[in-house]
PDB file of N, CA and C in Angstrom:
ATOM      1  N   MET A   1      13.862 -28.590 -37.587  1.00  0.00           N
ATOM      2  CA  MET A   1      14.080 -27.990 -38.892  1.00  0.00           C
ATOM      3  C   MET A   1      13.431 -26.611 -38.933  1.00  0.00           C
ATOM      4  N   ARG A   2      14.147 -25.623 -39.399  1.00  0.00           N
ATOM      5  CA  ARG A   2      13.640 -24.250 -39.406  1.00  0.00           C
ATOM      6  C   ARG A   2      12.469 -24.053 -40.349  1.00  0.00           C
ATOM      7  N   ASP A   3      12.311 -24.939 -41.325  1.00  0.00           N
ATOM      8  CA  ASP A   3      11.245 -24.763 -42.306  1.00  0.00           C
ATOM      9  C   ASP A   3       9.860 -24.784 -41.673  1.00  0.00           C
ATOM     10  N   SER A   4       9.708 -25.478 -40.529  1.00  0.00           N
ATOM     11  CA  SER A   4       8.388 -25.569 -39.910  1.00  0.00           C
ATOM     12  C   SER A   4       8.007 -24.279 -39.174  1.00  0.00           C
ATOM     13  N   MET A   5       8.974 -23.470 -38.860  1.00  0.00           N
ATOM     14  CA  MET A   5       8.698 -22.221 -38.170  1.00  0.00           C
ATOM     15  C   MET A   5       8.260 -21.165 -39.191  1.00  0.00           C
ATOM     16  N   ASP A   6       7.320 -20.325 -38.800  1.00  0.00           N
ATOM     17  CA  ASP A   6       6.891 -19.225 -39.658  1.00  0.00           C
ATOM     18  C   ASP A   6       7.904 -18.092 -39.515  1.00  0.00           C
ATOM     19  N   THR A   7       8.964 -18.164 -40.301  1.00  0.00           N
ATOM     20  CA  THR A   7      10.069 -17.208 -40.209  1.00  0.00           C
ATOM     21  C   THR A   7       9.609 -15.787 -40.487  1.00  0.00           C
ATOM     22  N   ASP A   8       8.728 -15.611 -41.450  1.00  0.00           N
ATOM     23  CA  ASP A   8       8.234 -14.256 -41.756  1.00  0.00           C
ATOM     24  C   ASP A   8       7.506 -13.657 -40.561  1.00  0.00           C
ATOM     25  N   ALA A   9       6.675 -14.460 -39.914  1.00  0.00           N
ATOM     26  CA  ALA A   9       5.937 -13.967 -38.743  1.00  0.00           C
ATOM     27  C   ALA A   9       6.893 -13.641 -37.597  1.00  0.00           C
ATOM     28  N   MET A  10       7.901 -14.481 -37.393  1.00  0.00           N
ATOM     29  CA  MET A  10       8.858 -14.227 -36.324  1.00  0.00           C
ATOM     30  C   MET A  10       9.709 -12.988 -36.633  1.00  0.00           C
ATOM     31  N   THR A  11      10.074 -12.813 -37.886  1.00  0.00           N
ATOM     32  CA  THR A  11      10.839 -11.632 -38.283  1.00  0.00           C
ATOM     33  C   THR A  11      10.006 -10.373 -38.068  1.00  0.00           C
ATOM     34  N   ASP A  12       8.745 -10.415 -38.475  1.00  0.00           N
ATOM     35  CA  ASP A  12       7.856  -9.269 -38.259  1.00  0.00           C
ATOM     36  C   ASP A  12       7.727  -8.960 -36.770  1.00  0.00           C
ATOM     37  N   TYR A  13       7.527 -10.010 -35.963  1.00  0.00           N
ATOM     38  CA  TYR A  13       7.401  -9.825 -34.517  1.00  0.00           C
ATOM     39  C   TYR A  13       8.672  -9.182 -33.957  1.00  0.00           C
ATOM     40  N   TYR A  14       9.826  -9.692 -34.388  1.00  0.00           N
ATOM     41  CA  TYR A  14      11.108  -9.176 -33.909  1.00  0.00           C
ATOM     42  C   TYR A  14      11.221  -7.675 -34.167  1.00  0.00           C
ATOM     43  N   TRP A  15      10.980  -7.262 -35.408  1.00  0.00           N
ATOM     44  CA  TRP A  15      11.146  -5.846 -35.745  1.00  0.00           C
ATOM     45  C   TRP A  15      10.068  -4.971 -35.114  1.00  0.00           C
ATOM     46  N   GLU A  16       8.857  -5.494 -34.933  1.00  0.00           N
ATOM     47  CA  GLU A  16       7.794  -4.722 -34.297  1.00  0.00           C
ATOM     48  C   GLU A  16       8.034  -4.550 -32.796  1.00  0.00           C
ATOM     49  N   ASN A  17       8.762  -5.488 -32.191  1.00  0.00           N
ATOM     50  CA  ASN A  17       8.956  -5.481 -30.741  1.00  0.00           C
ATOM     51  C   ASN A  17      10.410  -5.302 -30.317  1.00  0.00           C
ATOM     52  N   LEU A  18      11.268  -4.937 -31.248  1.00  0.00           N
ATOM     53  CA  LEU A  18      12.693  -4.846 -30.962  1.00  0.00           C
ATOM     54  C   LEU A  18      12.999  -3.958 -29.765  1.00  0.00           C
ATOM     55  N   LYS A  19      12.410  -2.782 -29.727  1.00  0.00           N
ATOM     56  CA  LYS A  19      12.689  -1.854 -28.626  1.00  0.00           C
ATOM     57  C   LYS A  19      12.325  -2.488 -27.285  1.00  0.00           C
ATOM     58  N   ASP A  20      11.168  -3.139 -27.204  1.00  0.00           N
ATOM     59  CA  ASP A  20      10.746  -3.784 -25.963  1.00  0.00           C
ATOM     60  C   ASP A  20      11.632  -4.981 -25.619  1.00  0.00           C
ATOM     61  N   ILE A  21      12.024  -5.749 -26.636  1.00  0.00           N
ATOM     62  CA  ILE A  21      12.891  -6.909 -26.419  1.00  0.00           C
ATOM     63  C   ILE A  21      14.221  -6.445 -25.828  1.00  0.00           C
ATOM     64  N   LEU A  22      14.833  -5.440 -26.439  1.00  0.00           N
ATOM     65  CA  LEU A  22      16.111  -4.945 -25.952  1.00  0.00           C
ATOM     66  C   LEU A  22      15.977  -4.278 -24.591  1.00  0.00           C
ATOM     67  N   GLN A  23      14.906  -3.559 -24.381  1.00  0.00           N
ATOM     68  CA  GLN A  23      14.673  -2.907 -23.088  1.00  0.00           C
ATOM     69  C   GLN A  23      14.589  -3.948 -21.981  1.00  0.00           C
ATOM     70  N   ARG A  24      13.848  -5.025 -22.204  1.00  0.00           N
ATOM     71  CA  ARG A  24      13.748  -6.089 -21.196  1.00  0.00           C
ATOM     72  C   ARG A  24      15.107  -6.733 -20.945  1.00  0.00           C
ATOM     73  N   GLN A  25      15.865  -6.914 -22.003  1.00  0.00           N
ATOM     74  CA  GLN A  25      17.150  -7.605 -21.902  1.00  0.00           C
ATOM     75  C   GLN A  25      18.200  -6.763 -21.175  1.00  0.00           C
ATOM     76  N   PHE A  26      18.225  -5.456 -21.421  1.00  0.00           N
ATOM     77  CA  PHE A  26      19.319  -4.626 -20.927  1.00  0.00           C
ATOM     78  C   PHE A  26      18.923  -3.606 -19.860  1.00  0.00           C
ATOM     79  N   ALA A  27      17.679  -3.559 -19.465  1.00  0.00           N
ATOM     80  CA  ALA A  27      17.213  -2.532 -18.544  1.00  0.00           C
ATOM     81  C   ALA A  27      18.048  -2.466 -17.265  1.00  0.00           C
ATOM     82  N   ASP A  28      18.347  -3.597 -16.682  1.00  0.00           N
ATOM     83  CA  ASP A  28      19.071  -3.634 -15.414  1.00  0.00           C
ATOM     84  C   ASP A  28      20.496  -4.152 -15.562  1.00  0.00           C
ATOM     85  N   ASP A  29      21.022  -4.132 -16.776  1.00  0.00           N
ATOM     86  CA  ASP A  29      22.358  -4.662 -17.036  1.00  0.00           C
ATOM     87  C   ASP A  29      23.394  -3.547 -16.863  1.00  0.00           C
ATOM     88  N   ASP A  30      23.999  -3.514 -15.685  1.00  0.00           N
ATOM     89  CA  ASP A  30      24.967  -2.455 -15.381  1.00  0.00           C
ATOM     90  C   ASP A  30      26.170  -2.483 -16.316  1.00  0.00           C
ATOM     91  N   GLU A  31      26.627  -3.677 -16.683  1.00  0.00           N
ATOM     92  CA  GLU A  31      27.771  -3.783 -17.587  1.00  0.00           C
ATOM     93  C   GLU A  31      27.450  -3.160 -18.947  1.00  0.00           C
ATOM     94  N   TYR A  32      26.245  -3.422 -19.461  1.00  0.00           N
ATOM     95  CA  TYR A  32      25.826  -2.844 -20.741  1.00  0.00           C
ATOM     96  C   TYR A  32      25.816  -1.318 -20.666  1.00  0.00           C
ATOM     97  N   HIS A  33      25.221  -0.780 -19.615  1.00  0.00           N
ATOM     98  CA  HIS A  33      25.131   0.676 -19.473  1.00  0.00           C
ATOM     99  C   HIS A  33      26.520   1.297 -19.285  1.00  0.00           C
ATOM    100  N   ALA A  34      27.417   0.611 -18.589  1.00  0.00           N
ATOM    101  CA  ALA A  34      28.786   1.107 -18.425  1.00  0.00           C
ATOM    102  C   ALA A  34      29.508   1.128 -19.772  1.00  0.00           C
ATOM    103  N   LEU A  35      29.285   0.104 -20.585  1.00  0.00           N
ATOM    104  CA  LEU A  35      29.912   0.076 -21.913  1.00  0.00           C
ATOM    105  C   LEU A  35      29.384   1.184 -22.810  1.00  0.00           C
ATOM    106  N   ILE A  36      28.097   1.461 -22.734  1.00  0.00           N
ATOM    107  CA  ILE A  36      27.520   2.565 -23.509  1.00  0.00           C
ATOM    108  C   ILE A  36      28.179   3.878 -23.092  1.00  0.00           C
ATOM    109  N   GLN A  37      28.341   4.079 -21.797  1.00  0.00           N
ATOM    110  CA  GLN A  37      28.985   5.313 -21.318  1.00  0.00           C
ATOM    111  C   GLN A  37      30.429   5.394 -21.789  1.00  0.00           C
ATOM    112  N   LYS A  38      31.156   4.273 -21.795  1.00  0.00           N
ATOM    113  CA  LYS A  38      32.533   4.263 -22.285  1.00  0.00           C
ATOM    114  C   LYS A  38      32.582   4.618 -23.769  1.00  0.00           C
ATOM    115  N   LYS A  39      31.621   4.105 -24.532  1.00  0.00           N
ATOM    116  CA  LYS A  39      31.575   4.412 -25.967  1.00  0.00           C
ATOM    117  C   LYS A  39      31.331   5.909 -26.178  1.00  0.00           C
ATOM    118  N   ILE A  40      30.395   6.472 -25.452  1.00  0.00           N
ATOM    119  CA  ILE A  40      30.083   7.898 -25.576  1.00  0.00           C
ATOM    120  C   ILE A  40      31.303   8.744 -25.215  1.00  0.00           C
ATOM    121  N   THR A  41      31.988   8.396 -24.144  1.00  0.00           N
ATOM    122  CA  THR A  41      33.180   9.126 -23.727  1.00  0.00           C
ATOM    123  C   THR A  41      34.269   9.047 -24.789  1.00  0.00           C
ATOM    124  N   ALA A  42      34.487   7.843 -25.333  1.00  0.00           N
ATOM    125  CA  ALA A  42      35.511   7.660 -26.371  1.00  0.00           C
ATOM    126  C   ALA A  42      35.146   8.426 -27.644  1.00  0.00           C
ATOM    127  N   GLU A  43      33.874   8.396 -28.010  1.00  0.00           N
ATOM    128  CA  GLU A  43      33.441   9.133 -29.204  1.00  0.00           C
ATOM    129  C   GLU A  43      33.646  10.637 -29.027  1.00  0.00           C
ATOM    130  N   ASN A  44      33.319  11.143 -27.864  1.00  0.00           N
ATOM    131  CA  ASN A  44      33.508  12.577 -27.609  1.00  0.00           C
ATOM    132  C   ASN A  44      34.985  12.955 -27.688  1.00  0.00           C
ATOM    133  N   ALA A  45      35.847  12.102 -27.138  1.00  0.00           N
ATOM    134  CA  ALA A  45      37.287  12.364 -27.202  1.00  0.00           C
ATOM    135  C   ALA A  45      37.787  12.308 -28.645  1.00  0.00           C
ATOM    136  N   LEU A  46      37.323  11.316 -29.395  1.00  0.00           N
ATOM    137  CA  LEU A  46      37.727  11.182 -30.794  1.00  0.00           C
ATOM    138  C   LEU A  46      37.285  12.387 -31.612  1.00  0.00           C
ATOM    139  N   LYS A  47      36.046  12.801 -31.418  1.00  0.00           N
ATOM    140  CA  LYS A  47      35.511  13.931 -32.178  1.00  0.00           C
ATOM    141  C   LYS A  47      36.327  15.199 -31.948  1.00  0.00           C
ATOM    142  N   ALA A  48      36.817  15.369 -30.718  1.00  0.00           N
ATOM    143  CA  ALA A  48      37.617  16.551 -30.393  1.00  0.00           C
ATOM    144  C   ALA A  48      38.992  16.520 -31.063  1.00  0.00           C
ATOM    145  N   LEU A  49      39.457  15.338 -31.455  1.00  0.00           N
ATOM    146  CA  LEU A  49      40.807  15.191 -31.999  1.00  0.00           C
ATOM    147  C   LEU A  49      40.890  15.160 -33.515  1.00  0.00           C
ATOM    148  N   ILE A  50      39.756  14.918 -34.177  1.00  0.00           N
ATOM    149  CA  ILE A  50      39.817  14.686 -35.624  1.00  0.00           C
ATOM    150  C   ILE A  50      39.023  15.741 -36.394  1.00  0.00           C
ATOM    151  N   SER A  51      39.228  15.745 -37.689  1.00  0.00           N
ATOM    152  CA  SER A  51      38.536  16.697 -38.555  1.00  0.00           C
ATOM    153  C   SER A  51      37.066  16.311 -38.727  1.00  0.00           C
ATOM    154  N   GLU A  52      36.300  17.246 -39.233  1.00  0.00           N
ATOM    155  CA  GLU A  52      34.884  16.974 -39.518  1.00  0.00           C
ATOM    156  C   GLU A  52      34.747  15.856 -40.553  1.00  0.00           C
ATOM    157  N   GLU A  53      35.642  15.852 -41.546  1.00  0.00           N
ATOM    158  CA  GLU A  53      35.602  14.811 -42.577  1.00  0.00           C
ATOM    159  C   GLU A  53      35.853  13.439 -41.965  1.00  0.00           C
ATOM    160  N   ALA A  54      36.849  13.362 -41.101  1.00  0.00           N
ATOM    161  CA  ALA A  54      37.147  12.084 -40.437  1.00  0.00           C
ATOM    162  C   ALA A  54      35.986  11.675 -39.533  1.00  0.00           C
ATOM    163  N   TRP A  55      35.372  12.647 -38.849  1.00  0.00           N
ATOM    164  CA  TRP A  55      34.228  12.345 -37.988  1.00  0.00           C
ATOM    165  C   TRP A  55      33.060  11.807 -38.817  1.00  0.00           C
ATOM    166  N   SER A  56      32.829  12.397 -39.971  1.00  0.00           N
ATOM    167  CA  SER A  56      31.762  11.908 -40.857  1.00  0.00           C
ATOM    168  C   SER A  56      32.036  10.473 -41.301  1.00  0.00           C
ATOM    169  N   LEU A  57      33.294  10.180 -41.626  1.00  0.00           N
ATOM    170  CA  LEU A  57      33.649   8.807 -42.004  1.00  0.00           C
ATOM    171  C   LEU A  57      33.449   7.843 -40.838  1.00  0.00           C
ATOM    172  N   TYR A  58      33.796   8.289 -39.638  1.00  0.00           N
ATOM    173  CA  TYR A  58      33.565   7.461 -38.449  1.00  0.00           C
ATOM    174  C   TYR A  58      32.070   7.174 -38.290  1.00  0.00           C
ATOM    175  N   LEU A  59      31.247   8.192 -38.456  1.00  0.00           N
ATOM    176  CA  LEU A  59      29.797   7.994 -38.313  1.00  0.00           C
ATOM    177  C   LEU A  59      29.261   7.028 -39.362  1.00  0.00           C
ATOM    178  N   GLU A  60      29.783   7.107 -40.589  1.00  0.00           N
ATOM    179  CA  GLU A  60      29.382   6.150 -41.631  1.00  0.00           C
ATOM    180  C   GLU A  60      29.769   4.733 -41.238  1.00  0.00           C
ATOM    181  N   LEU A  61      30.994   4.582 -40.763  1.00  0.00           N
ATOM    182  CA  LEU A  61      31.478   3.274 -40.328  1.00  0.00           C
ATOM    183  C   LEU A  61      30.641   2.740 -39.162  1.00  0.00           C
ATOM    184  N   ASP A  62      30.316   3.614 -38.220  1.00  0.00           N
ATOM    185  CA  ASP A  62      29.496   3.219 -37.077  1.00  0.00           C
ATOM    186  C   ASP A  62      28.105   2.777 -37.525  1.00  0.00           C
ATOM    187  N   ALA A  63      27.529   3.493 -38.495  1.00  0.00           N
ATOM    188  CA  ALA A  63      26.211   3.117 -39.013  1.00  0.00           C
ATOM    189  C   ALA A  63      26.251   1.746 -39.682  1.00  0.00           C
ATOM    190  N   ILE A  64      27.308   1.486 -40.444  1.00  0.00           N
ATOM    191  CA  ILE A  64      27.453   0.168 -41.082  1.00  0.00           C
ATOM    192  C   ILE A  64      27.607  -0.919 -40.020  1.00  0.00           C
ATOM    193  N   SER A  65      28.408  -0.638 -39.003  1.00  0.00           N
ATOM    194  CA  SER A  65      28.580  -1.603 -37.914  1.00  0.00           C
ATOM    195  C   SER A  65      27.250  -1.880 -37.210  1.00  0.00           C
ATOM    196  N   ASN A  66      26.458  -0.845 -37.032  1.00  0.00           N
ATOM    197  CA  ASN A  66      25.143  -1.030 -36.409  1.00  0.00           C
ATOM    198  C   ASN A  66      24.224  -1.882 -37.281  1.00  0.00           C
ATOM    199  N   GLU A  67      24.277  -1.673 -38.595  1.00  0.00           N
ATOM    200  CA  GLU A  67      23.477  -2.492 -39.506  1.00  0.00           C
ATOM    201  C   GLU A  67      23.911  -3.957 -39.446  1.00  0.00           C
ATOM    202  N   LEU A  68      25.227  -4.182 -39.430  1.00  0.00           N
ATOM    203  CA  LEU A  68      25.733  -5.555 -39.313  1.00  0.00           C
ATOM    204  C   LEU A  68      25.273  -6.199 -38.018  1.00  0.00           C
ATOM    205  N   GLU A  69      25.331  -5.445 -36.938  1.00  0.00           N
ATOM    206  CA  GLU A  69      24.890  -5.970 -35.646  1.00  0.00           C
ATOM    207  C   GLU A  69      23.398  -6.288 -35.677  1.00  0.00           C
ATOM    208  N   SER A  70      22.607  -5.467 -36.338  1.00  0.00           N
ATOM    209  CA  SER A  70      21.171  -5.733 -36.461  1.00  0.00           C
ATOM    210  C   SER A  70      20.908  -7.044 -37.191  1.00  0.00           C
ATOM    211  N   VAL A  71      21.670  -7.294 -38.251  1.00  0.00           N
ATOM    212  CA  VAL A  71      21.522  -8.543 -38.999  1.00  0.00           C
ATOM    213  C   VAL A  71      21.874  -9.732 -38.108  1.00  0.00           C
ATOM    214  N   ARG A  72      22.978  -9.598 -37.350  1.00  0.00           N
ATOM    215  CA  ARG A  72      23.388 -10.680 -36.441  1.00  0.00           C
ATOM    216  C   ARG A  72      22.338 -10.919 -35.369  1.00  0.00           C
ATOM    217  N   LEU A  73      21.832  -9.844 -34.778  1.00  0.00           N
ATOM    218  CA  LEU A  73      20.829  -9.994 -33.720  1.00  0.00           C
ATOM    219  C   LEU A  73      19.555 -10.652 -34.233  1.00  0.00           C
ATOM    220  N   GLU A  74      19.118 -10.257 -35.420  1.00  0.00           N
ATOM    221  CA  GLU A  74      17.920 -10.874 -36.001  1.00  0.00           C
ATOM    222  C   GLU A  74      18.160 -12.362 -36.234  1.00  0.00           C
ATOM    223  N   ALA A  75      19.312 -12.712 -36.761  1.00  0.00           N
ATOM    224  CA  ALA A  75      19.628 -14.124 -37.015  1.00  0.00           C
ATOM    225  C   ALA A  75      19.658 -14.910 -35.710  1.00  0.00           C
ATOM    226  N   MET A  76      20.235 -14.324 -34.673  1.00  0.00           N
ATOM    227  CA  MET A  76      20.274 -15.004 -33.374  1.00  0.00           C
ATOM    228  C   MET A  76      18.867 -15.168 -32.811  1.00  0.00           C
ATOM    229  N   TYR A  77      18.047 -14.148 -32.945  1.00  0.00           N
ATOM    230  CA  TYR A  77      16.670 -14.216 -32.456  1.00  0.00           C
ATOM    231  C   TYR A  77      15.901 -15.321 -33.176  1.00  0.00           C
ATOM    232  N   LEU A  78      16.028 -15.364 -34.496  1.00  0.00           N
ATOM    233  CA  LEU A  78      15.322 -16.379 -35.273  1.00  0.00           C
ATOM    234  C   LEU A  78      15.841 -17.779 -34.965  1.00  0.00           C
ATOM    235  N   THR A  79      17.133 -17.907 -34.737  1.00  0.00           N
ATOM    236  CA  THR A  79      17.687 -19.201 -34.354  1.00  0.00           C
ATOM    237  C   THR A  79      17.135 -19.627 -32.997  1.00  0.00           C
ATOM    238  N   GLY A  80      17.076 -18.703 -32.062  1.00  0.00           N
ATOM    239  CA  GLY A  80      16.507 -19.005 -30.748  1.00  0.00           C
ATOM    240  C   GLY A  80      15.039 -19.386 -30.847  1.00  0.00           C
ATOM    241  N   ALA A  81      14.296 -18.697 -31.693  1.00  0.00           N
ATOM    242  CA  ALA A  81      12.874 -19.020 -31.876  1.00  0.00           C
ATOM    243  C   ALA A  81      12.723 -20.417 -32.480  1.00  0.00           C
ATOM    244  N   ALA A  82      13.564 -20.734 -33.458  1.00  0.00           N
ATOM    245  CA  ALA A  82      13.507 -22.061 -34.079  1.00  0.00           C
ATOM    246  C   ALA A  82      13.894 -23.138 -33.068  1.00  0.00           C
ATOM    247  N   ASP A  83      14.922 -22.881 -32.276  1.00  0.00           N
ATOM    248  CA  ASP A  83      15.329 -23.838 -31.251  1.00  0.00           C
ATOM    249  C   ASP A  83      14.221 -24.040 -30.226  1.00  0.00           C
ATOM    250  N   HIS A  84      13.571 -22.956 -29.834  1.00  0.00           N
ATOM    251  CA  HIS A  84      12.471 -23.052 -28.873  1.00  0.00           C
ATOM    252  C   HIS A  84      11.336 -23.901 -29.443  1.00  0.00           C
ATOM    253  N   GLU A  85      11.043 -23.674 -30.708  1.00  0.00           N
ATOM    254  CA  GLU A  85       9.985 -24.455 -31.363  1.00  0.00           C
ATOM    255  C   GLU A  85      10.339 -25.934 -31.371  1.00  0.00           C
ATOM    256  N   LYS A  86      11.593 -26.257 -31.696  1.00  0.00           N
ATOM    257  CA  LYS A  86      12.033 -27.661 -31.709  1.00  0.00           C
ATOM    258  C   LYS A  86      11.914 -28.286 -30.332  1.00  0.00           C
ATOM    259  N   LEU A  87      12.334 -27.550 -29.312  1.00  0.00           N
ATOM    260  CA  LEU A  87      12.324 -28.092 -27.952  1.00  0.00           C
ATOM    261  C   LEU A  87      10.926 -28.241 -27.393  1.00  0.00           C
ATOM    262  N   SER A  88       9.999 -27.443 -27.871  1.00  0.00           N
ATOM    263  CA  SER A  88       8.634 -27.491 -27.334  1.00  0.00           C
ATOM    264  C   SER A  88       7.776 -28.569 -27.992  1.00  0.00           C
ATOM    265  N   LYS A  89       8.341 -29.268 -28.981  1.00  0.00           N
ATOM    266  CA  LYS A  89       7.569 -30.318 -29.664  1.00  0.00           C
ATOM    267  C   LYS A  89       7.751 -31.639 -28.979  1.00  0.00           C
TER     268      LYS A  89
END
């Protein structure tokens, strides 16, 4: 049951250590780095084809998508922490 886990403490830990957590996870992940490069290339091509207004809207949409992904990642992290706690009992 998730209630036994200190969710606030785990959430604080997650946000305080996010950069290190992601760095450990993706440091040697060639597929991840290749996808980042593909995104950068596609963004550069898109920016060259569209107006400044459209580019600004794209950046807003990208920021919202990043926020959604952050919420999903935090939820997955907390679920994993709760599962780990259950399994270690």
